[in-house]
Amino acid sequence: METTLRSFWQFMINTIFKTVHWDEERCSGCLTCYEVCPVGCCLPDPATKKIRVPDQDRCVVCGACVLQCPEGALALM
């Protein structure tokens, strides 16, 4: 049952939302998004100590980074 619900909600998220938007000004560089991303699309930039724009080709739009970002720098679009 839990797997079925998880699959349903993942389907709904991927149907409604197509991408993750990143607001560089709000990003504090905590790298929480990097730690929780299951596919590694939030990569840190060594120069700024913040993430680079999330790799949309690898992103599965799971919302993990959005839910965990303490600054609200990421949003599902």
PDB file of N, CA and C in Angstrom:
ATOM      1  N   MET A   1       0.824  -1.200   0.000  1.00  0.00           N
ATOM      2  CA  MET A   1       0.000   0.000   0.000  1.00  0.00           C
ATOM      3  C   MET A   1       0.866   1.261   0.000  1.00  0.00           C
ATOM      4  N   GLU A   2       1.909   1.273   0.834  1.00  0.00           N
ATOM      5  CA  GLU A   2       2.779   2.444   0.911  1.00  0.00           C
ATOM      6  C   GLU A   2       3.466   2.707  -0.433  1.00  0.00           C
ATOM      7  N   THR A   3       3.933   1.647  -1.083  1.00  0.00           N
ATOM      8  CA  THR A   3       4.578   1.784  -2.387  1.00  0.00           C
ATOM      9  C   THR A   3       3.599   2.318  -3.420  1.00  0.00           C
ATOM     10  N   THR A   4       2.375   1.859  -3.368  1.00  0.00           N
ATOM     11  CA  THR A   4       1.352   2.329  -4.302  1.00  0.00           C
ATOM     12  C   THR A   4       1.076   3.811  -4.102  1.00  0.00           C
ATOM     13  N   LEU A   5       0.955   4.249  -2.855  1.00  0.00           N
ATOM     14  CA  LEU A   5       0.724   5.668  -2.571  1.00  0.00           C
ATOM     15  C   LEU A   5       1.906   6.515  -3.010  1.00  0.00           C
ATOM     16  N   ARG A   6       3.099   6.042  -2.728  1.00  0.00           N
ATOM     17  CA  ARG A   6       4.298   6.780  -3.123  1.00  0.00           C
ATOM     18  C   ARG A   6       4.340   6.912  -4.646  1.00  0.00           C
ATOM     19  N   SER A   7       4.053   5.842  -5.355  1.00  0.00           N
ATOM     20  CA  SER A   7       4.045   5.881  -6.819  1.00  0.00           C
ATOM     21  C   SER A   7       2.984   6.842  -7.342  1.00  0.00           C
ATOM     22  N   PHE A   8       1.824   6.841  -6.703  1.00  0.00           N
ATOM     23  CA  PHE A   8       0.745   7.740  -7.104  1.00  0.00           C
ATOM     24  C   PHE A   8       1.169   9.193  -6.938  1.00  0.00           C
ATOM     25  N   TRP A   9       1.725   9.539  -5.778  1.00  0.00           N
ATOM     26  CA  TRP A   9       2.110  10.927  -5.535  1.00  0.00           C
ATOM     27  C   TRP A   9       3.272  11.345  -6.421  1.00  0.00           C
ATOM     28  N   GLN A  10       4.205  10.440  -6.702  1.00  0.00           N
ATOM     29  CA  GLN A  10       5.295  10.766  -7.618  1.00  0.00           C
ATOM     30  C   GLN A  10       4.742  11.022  -9.014  1.00  0.00           C
ATOM     31  N   PHE A  11       3.770  10.225  -9.433  1.00  0.00           N
ATOM     32  CA  PHE A  11       3.120  10.443 -10.726  1.00  0.00           C
ATOM     33  C   PHE A  11       2.436  11.808 -10.751  1.00  0.00           C
ATOM     34  N   MET A  12       1.722  12.158  -9.692  1.00  0.00           N
ATOM     35  CA  MET A  12       1.019  13.438  -9.627  1.00  0.00           C
ATOM     36  C   MET A  12       1.998  14.609  -9.666  1.00  0.00           C
ATOM     37  N   ILE A  13       3.082  14.513  -8.909  1.00  0.00           N
ATOM     38  CA  ILE A  13       4.083  15.583  -8.902  1.00  0.00           C
ATOM     39  C   ILE A  13       4.669  15.760 -10.293  1.00  0.00           C
ATOM     40  N   ASN A  14       5.025  14.663 -10.941  1.00  0.00           N
ATOM     41  CA  ASN A  14       5.634  14.743 -12.269  1.00  0.00           C
ATOM     42  C   ASN A  14       4.646  15.190 -13.337  1.00  0.00           C
ATOM     43  N   THR A  15       3.361  14.989 -13.118  1.00  0.00           N
ATOM     44  CA  THR A  15       2.346  15.428 -14.068  1.00  0.00           C
ATOM     45  C   THR A  15       2.092  16.926 -13.942  1.00  0.00           C
ATOM     46  N   ILE A  16       2.037  17.411 -12.719  1.00  0.00           N
ATOM     47  CA  ILE A  16       1.733  18.818 -12.466  1.00  0.00           C
ATOM     48  C   ILE A  16       2.959  19.706 -12.654  1.00  0.00           C
ATOM     49  N   PHE A  17       4.096  19.281 -12.103  1.00  0.00           N
ATOM     50  CA  PHE A  17       5.313  20.084 -12.140  1.00  0.00           C
ATOM     51  C   PHE A  17       6.303  19.506 -13.140  1.00  0.00           C
ATOM     52  N   LYS A  18       6.959  20.360 -13.874  1.00  0.00           N
ATOM     53  CA  LYS A  18       7.879  19.914 -14.921  1.00  0.00           C
ATOM     54  C   LYS A  18       9.339  20.253 -14.641  1.00  0.00           C
ATOM     55  N   THR A  19       9.591  21.184 -13.735  1.00  0.00           N
ATOM     56  CA  THR A  19      10.962  21.621 -13.503  1.00  0.00           C
ATOM     57  C   THR A  19      11.123  22.186 -12.093  1.00  0.00           C
ATOM     58  N   VAL A  20      12.368  22.337 -11.688  1.00  0.00           N
ATOM     59  CA  VAL A  20      12.700  22.971 -10.413  1.00  0.00           C
ATOM     60  C   VAL A  20      13.347  24.313 -10.726  1.00  0.00           C
ATOM     61  N   HIS A  21      12.807  25.378 -10.151  1.00  0.00           N
ATOM     62  CA  HIS A  21      13.357  26.721 -10.330  1.00  0.00           C
ATOM     63  C   HIS A  21      14.261  27.035  -9.150  1.00  0.00           C
ATOM     64  N   TRP A  22      15.422  27.625  -9.408  1.00  0.00           N
ATOM     65  CA  TRP A  22      16.395  27.963  -8.374  1.00  0.00           C
ATOM     66  C   TRP A  22      16.596  29.468  -8.335  1.00  0.00           C
ATOM     67  N   ASP A  23      16.449  30.069  -7.145  1.00  0.00           N
ATOM     68  CA  ASP A  23      16.638  31.499  -6.945  1.00  0.00           C
ATOM     69  C   ASP A  23      17.999  31.708  -6.282  1.00  0.00           C
ATOM     70  N   GLU A  24      18.979  32.115  -7.069  1.00  0.00           N
ATOM     71  CA  GLU A  24      20.355  32.259  -6.577  1.00  0.00           C
ATOM     72  C   GLU A  24      20.459  33.253  -5.424  1.00  0.00           C
ATOM     73  N   GLU A  25      19.667  34.312  -5.447  1.00  0.00           N
ATOM     74  CA  GLU A  25      19.729  35.331  -4.399  1.00  0.00           C
ATOM     75  C   GLU A  25      19.286  34.791  -3.041  1.00  0.00           C
ATOM     76  N   ARG A  26      18.356  33.860  -3.023  1.00  0.00           N
ATOM     77  CA  ARG A  26      17.862  33.291  -1.760  1.00  0.00           C
ATOM     78  C   ARG A  26      18.745  32.159  -1.246  1.00  0.00           C
ATOM     79  N   CYS A  27      19.558  31.579  -2.121  1.00  0.00           N
ATOM     80  CA  CYS A  27      20.404  30.442  -1.754  1.00  0.00           C
ATOM     81  C   CYS A  27      21.490  30.887  -0.774  1.00  0.00           C
ATOM     82  N   SER A  28      21.588  30.190   0.360  1.00  0.00           N
ATOM     83  CA  SER A  28      22.600  30.516   1.370  1.00  0.00           C
ATOM     84  C   SER A  28      23.848  29.656   1.235  1.00  0.00           C
ATOM     85  N   GLY A  29      23.806  28.659   0.368  1.00  0.00           N
ATOM     86  CA  GLY A  29      24.952  27.782   0.185  1.00  0.00           C
ATOM     87  C   GLY A  29      25.064  26.681   1.221  1.00  0.00           C
ATOM     88  N   CYS A  30      23.963  26.309   1.856  1.00  0.00           N
ATOM     89  CA  CYS A  30      23.996  25.274   2.899  1.00  0.00           C
ATOM     90  C   CYS A  30      24.192  23.873   2.320  1.00  0.00           C
ATOM     91  N   LEU A  31      23.888  23.701   1.028  1.00  0.00           N
ATOM     92  CA  LEU A  31      24.035  22.443   0.287  1.00  0.00           C
ATOM     93  C   LEU A  31      23.117  21.324   0.764  1.00  0.00           C
ATOM     94  N   THR A  32      22.037  21.671   1.449  1.00  0.00           N
ATOM     95  CA  THR A  32      21.055  20.661   1.840  1.00  0.00           C
ATOM     96  C   THR A  32      20.468  19.996   0.603  1.00  0.00           C
ATOM     97  N   CYS A  33      20.214  20.767  -0.429  1.00  0.00           N
ATOM     98  CA  CYS A  33      19.663  20.212  -1.676  1.00  0.00           C
ATOM     99  C   CYS A  33      20.608  19.173  -2.267  1.00  0.00           C
ATOM    100  N   TYR A  34      21.886  19.456  -2.209  1.00  0.00           N
ATOM    101  CA  TYR A  34      22.906  18.526  -2.709  1.00  0.00           C
ATOM    102  C   TYR A  34      22.866  17.218  -1.928  1.00  0.00           C
ATOM    103  N   GLU A  35      22.687  17.321  -0.623  1.00  0.00           N
ATOM    104  CA  GLU A  35      22.677  16.134   0.235  1.00  0.00           C
ATOM    105  C   GLU A  35      21.438  15.265   0.025  1.00  0.00           C
ATOM    106  N   VAL A  36      20.290  15.872  -0.271  1.00  0.00           N
ATOM    107  CA  VAL A  36      19.047  15.095  -0.376  1.00  0.00           C
ATOM    108  C   VAL A  36      18.684  14.682  -1.799  1.00  0.00           C
ATOM    109  N   CYS A  37      19.336  15.230  -2.798  1.00  0.00           N
ATOM    110  CA  CYS A  37      18.987  14.913  -4.185  1.00  0.00           C
ATOM    111  C   CYS A  37      19.318  13.455  -4.501  1.00  0.00           C
ATOM    112  N   PRO A  38      18.302  12.659  -4.879  1.00  0.00           N
ATOM    113  CA  PRO A  38      18.542  11.239  -5.143  1.00  0.00           C
ATOM    114  C   PRO A  38      19.285  10.956  -6.449  1.00  0.00           C
ATOM    115  N   VAL A  39      19.337  11.929  -7.353  1.00  0.00           N
ATOM    116  CA  VAL A  39      20.005  11.702  -8.638  1.00  0.00           C
ATOM    117  C   VAL A  39      21.226  12.601  -8.846  1.00  0.00           C
ATOM    118  N   GLY A  40      21.553  13.421  -7.874  1.00  0.00           N
ATOM    119  CA  GLY A  40      22.755  14.244  -7.945  1.00  0.00           C
ATOM    120  C   GLY A  40      22.713  15.369  -8.958  1.00  0.00           C
ATOM    121  N   CYS A  41      21.567  16.004  -9.118  1.00  0.00           N
ATOM    122  CA  CYS A  41      21.504  17.095 -10.094  1.00  0.00           C
ATOM    123  C   CYS A  41      21.770  18.468  -9.470  1.00  0.00           C
ATOM    124  N   CYS A  42      21.832  18.557  -8.154  1.00  0.00           N
ATOM    125  CA  CYS A  42      22.174  19.810  -7.470  1.00  0.00           C
ATOM    126  C   CYS A  42      23.657  19.764  -7.113  1.00  0.00           C
ATOM    127  N   LEU A  43      24.502  20.234  -8.023  1.00  0.00           N
ATOM    128  CA  LEU A  43      25.943  20.154  -7.813  1.00  0.00           C
ATOM    129  C   LEU A  43      26.495  21.470  -7.284  1.00  0.00           C
ATOM    130  N   PRO A  44      27.370  21.428  -6.277  1.00  0.00           N
ATOM    131  CA  PRO A  44      27.931  22.660  -5.733  1.00  0.00           C
ATOM    132  C   PRO A  44      28.956  23.283  -6.680  1.00  0.00           C
ATOM    133  N   ASP A  45      28.973  24.601  -6.701  1.00  0.00           N
ATOM    134  CA  ASP A  45      29.953  25.350  -7.480  1.00  0.00           C
ATOM    135  C   ASP A  45      31.103  25.700  -6.541  1.00  0.00           C
ATOM    136  N   PRO A  46      32.311  25.212  -6.798  1.00  0.00           N
ATOM    137  CA  PRO A  46      33.431  25.471  -5.895  1.00  0.00           C
ATOM    138  C   PRO A  46      33.733  26.962  -5.713  1.00  0.00           C
ATOM    139  N   ALA A  47      33.457  27.773  -6.714  1.00  0.00           N
ATOM    140  CA  ALA A  47      33.760  29.200  -6.640  1.00  0.00           C
ATOM    141  C   ALA A  47      32.819  29.954  -5.707  1.00  0.00           C
ATOM    142  N   THR A  48      31.520  29.651  -5.771  1.00  0.00           N
ATOM    143  CA  THR A  48      30.539  30.412  -4.988  1.00  0.00           C
ATOM    144  C   THR A  48      30.087  29.690  -3.727  1.00  0.00           C
ATOM    145  N   LYS A  49      30.393  28.406  -3.619  1.00  0.00           N
ATOM    146  CA  LYS A  49      29.947  27.567  -2.497  1.00  0.00           C
ATOM    147  C   LYS A  49      28.430  27.406  -2.467  1.00  0.00           C
ATOM    148  N   LYS A  50      27.778  27.701  -3.581  1.00  0.00           N
ATOM    149  CA  LYS A  50      26.345  27.485  -3.736  1.00  0.00           C
ATOM    150  C   LYS A  50      26.159  26.448  -4.828  1.00  0.00           C
ATOM    151  N   ILE A  51      24.922  25.970  -4.985  1.00  0.00           N
ATOM    152  CA  ILE A  51      24.698  25.021  -6.076  1.00  0.00           C
ATOM    153  C   ILE A  51      24.675  25.767  -7.396  1.00  0.00           C
ATOM    154  N   ARG A  52      24.966  25.040  -8.435  1.00  0.00           N
ATOM    155  CA  ARG A  52      24.753  25.563  -9.777  1.00  0.00           C
ATOM    156  C   ARG A  52      23.272  25.368 -10.078  1.00  0.00           C
ATOM    157  N   VAL A  53      22.815  25.934 -11.155  1.00  0.00           N
ATOM    158  CA  VAL A  53      21.427  25.699 -11.554  1.00  0.00           C
ATOM    159  C   VAL A  53      21.233  24.190 -11.654  1.00  0.00           C
ATOM    160  N   PRO A  54      20.198  23.644 -11.018  1.00  0.00           N
ATOM    161  CA  PRO A  54      19.993  22.194 -11.075  1.00  0.00           C
ATOM    162  C   PRO A  54      19.966  21.678 -12.511  1.00  0.00           C
ATOM    163  N   ASP A  55      20.621  20.549 -12.730  1.00  0.00           N
ATOM    164  CA  ASP A  55      20.697  19.915 -14.046  1.00  0.00           C
ATOM    165  C   ASP A  55      19.321  19.349 -14.404  1.00  0.00           C
ATOM    166  N   GLN A  56      18.587  20.066 -15.240  1.00  0.00           N
ATOM    167  CA  GLN A  56      17.211  19.690 -15.562  1.00  0.00           C
ATOM    168  C   GLN A  56      17.126  18.381 -16.340  1.00  0.00           C
ATOM    169  N   ASP A  57      18.200  18.008 -17.025  1.00  0.00           N
ATOM    170  CA  ASP A  57      18.185  16.739 -17.756  1.00  0.00           C
ATOM    171  C   ASP A  57      18.227  15.541 -16.814  1.00  0.00           C
ATOM    172  N   ARG A  58      18.849  15.700 -15.663  1.00  0.00           N
ATOM    173  CA  ARG A  58      18.947  14.610 -14.687  1.00  0.00           C
ATOM    174  C   ARG A  58      17.830  14.662 -13.647  1.00  0.00           C
ATOM    175  N   CYS A  59      17.239  15.830 -13.453  1.00  0.00           N
ATOM    176  CA  CYS A  59      16.228  16.021 -12.408  1.00  0.00           C
ATOM    177  C   CYS A  59      14.990  15.160 -12.674  1.00  0.00           C
ATOM    178  N   VAL A  60      14.538  14.473 -11.639  1.00  0.00           N
ATOM    179  CA  VAL A  60      13.326  13.658 -11.746  1.00  0.00           C
ATOM    180  C   VAL A  60      12.126  14.367 -11.113  1.00  0.00           C
ATOM    181  N   VAL A  61      12.300  15.621 -10.733  1.00  0.00           N
ATOM    182  CA  VAL A  61      11.259  16.473 -10.153  1.00  0.00           C
ATOM    183  C   VAL A  61      10.587  15.779  -8.965  1.00  0.00           C
ATOM    184  N   CYS A  62      11.402  15.221  -8.079  1.00  0.00           N
ATOM    185  CA  CYS A  62      10.851  14.525  -6.910  1.00  0.00           C
ATOM    186  C   CYS A  62      10.445  15.500  -5.809  1.00  0.00           C
ATOM    187  N   GLY A  63      11.018  16.711  -5.807  1.00  0.00           N
ATOM    188  CA  GLY A  63      10.675  17.715  -4.815  1.00  0.00           C
ATOM    189  C   GLY A  63      11.461  17.635  -3.525  1.00  0.00           C
ATOM    190  N   ALA A  64      12.397  16.705  -3.403  1.00  0.00           N
ATOM    191  CA  ALA A  64      13.167  16.558  -2.162  1.00  0.00           C
ATOM    192  C   ALA A  64      13.936  17.834  -1.840  1.00  0.00           C
ATOM    193  N   CYS A  65      14.573  18.419  -2.832  1.00  0.00           N
ATOM    194  CA  CYS A  65      15.353  19.635  -2.602  1.00  0.00           C
ATOM    195  C   CYS A  65      14.451  20.798  -2.191  1.00  0.00           C
ATOM    196  N   VAL A  66      13.294  20.892  -2.818  1.00  0.00           N
ATOM    197  CA  VAL A  66      12.347  21.967  -2.519  1.00  0.00           C
ATOM    198  C   VAL A  66      11.856  21.862  -1.078  1.00  0.00           C
ATOM    199  N   LEU A  67      11.516  20.659  -0.656  1.00  0.00           N
ATOM    200  CA  LEU A  67      11.013  20.453   0.703  1.00  0.00           C
ATOM    201  C   LEU A  67      12.063  20.718   1.766  1.00  0.00           C
ATOM    202  N   GLN A  68      13.319  20.441   1.470  1.00  0.00           N
ATOM    203  CA  GLN A  68      14.372  20.553   2.477  1.00  0.00           C
ATOM    204  C   GLN A  68      15.101  21.888   2.489  1.00  0.00           C
ATOM    205  N   CYS A  69      14.943  22.713   1.475  1.00  0.00           N
ATOM    206  CA  CYS A  69      15.667  23.987   1.407  1.00  0.00           C
ATOM    207  C   CYS A  69      15.178  24.938   2.501  1.00  0.00           C
ATOM    208  N   PRO A  70      16.060  25.308   3.452  1.00  0.00           N
ATOM    209  CA  PRO A  70      15.628  26.180   4.547  1.00  0.00           C
ATOM    210  C   PRO A  70      15.383  27.627   4.120  1.00  0.00           C
ATOM    211  N   GLU A  71      15.912  28.017   2.966  1.00  0.00           N
ATOM    212  CA  GLU A  71      15.775  29.396   2.496  1.00  0.00           C
ATOM    213  C   GLU A  71      14.651  29.579   1.488  1.00  0.00           C
ATOM    214  N   GLY A  72      14.048  28.483   1.037  1.00  0.00           N
ATOM    215  CA  GLY A  72      13.007  28.578   0.017  1.00  0.00           C
ATOM    216  C   GLY A  72      13.557  29.008  -1.331  1.00  0.00           C
ATOM    217  N   ALA A  73      14.809  28.635  -1.614  1.00  0.00           N
ATOM    218  CA  ALA A  73      15.455  29.038  -2.859  1.00  0.00           C
ATOM    219  C   ALA A  73      15.065  28.162  -4.042  1.00  0.00           C
ATOM    220  N   LEU A  74      14.398  27.060  -3.774  1.00  0.00           N
ATOM    221  CA  LEU A  74      13.990  26.140  -4.834  1.00  0.00           C
ATOM    222  C   LEU A  74      12.469  26.027  -4.855  1.00  0.00           C
ATOM    223  N   ALA A  75      11.914  25.929  -6.048  1.00  0.00           N
ATOM    224  CA  ALA A  75      10.459  25.815  -6.177  1.00  0.00           C
ATOM    225  C   ALA A  75      10.116  24.920  -7.357  1.00  0.00           C
ATOM    226  N   LEU A  76       9.070  24.133  -7.203  1.00  0.00           N
ATOM    227  CA  LEU A  76       8.567  23.326  -8.313  1.00  0.00           C
ATOM    228  C   LEU A  76       7.752  24.222  -9.225  1.00  0.00           C
ATOM    229  N   MET A  77       7.989  24.098 -10.521  1.00  0.00           N
ATOM    230  CA  MET A  77       7.261  24.904 -11.508  1.00  0.00           C
ATOM    231  C   MET A  77       6.578  23.976 -12.482  1.00  0.00           C
TER     232      MET A  77
END
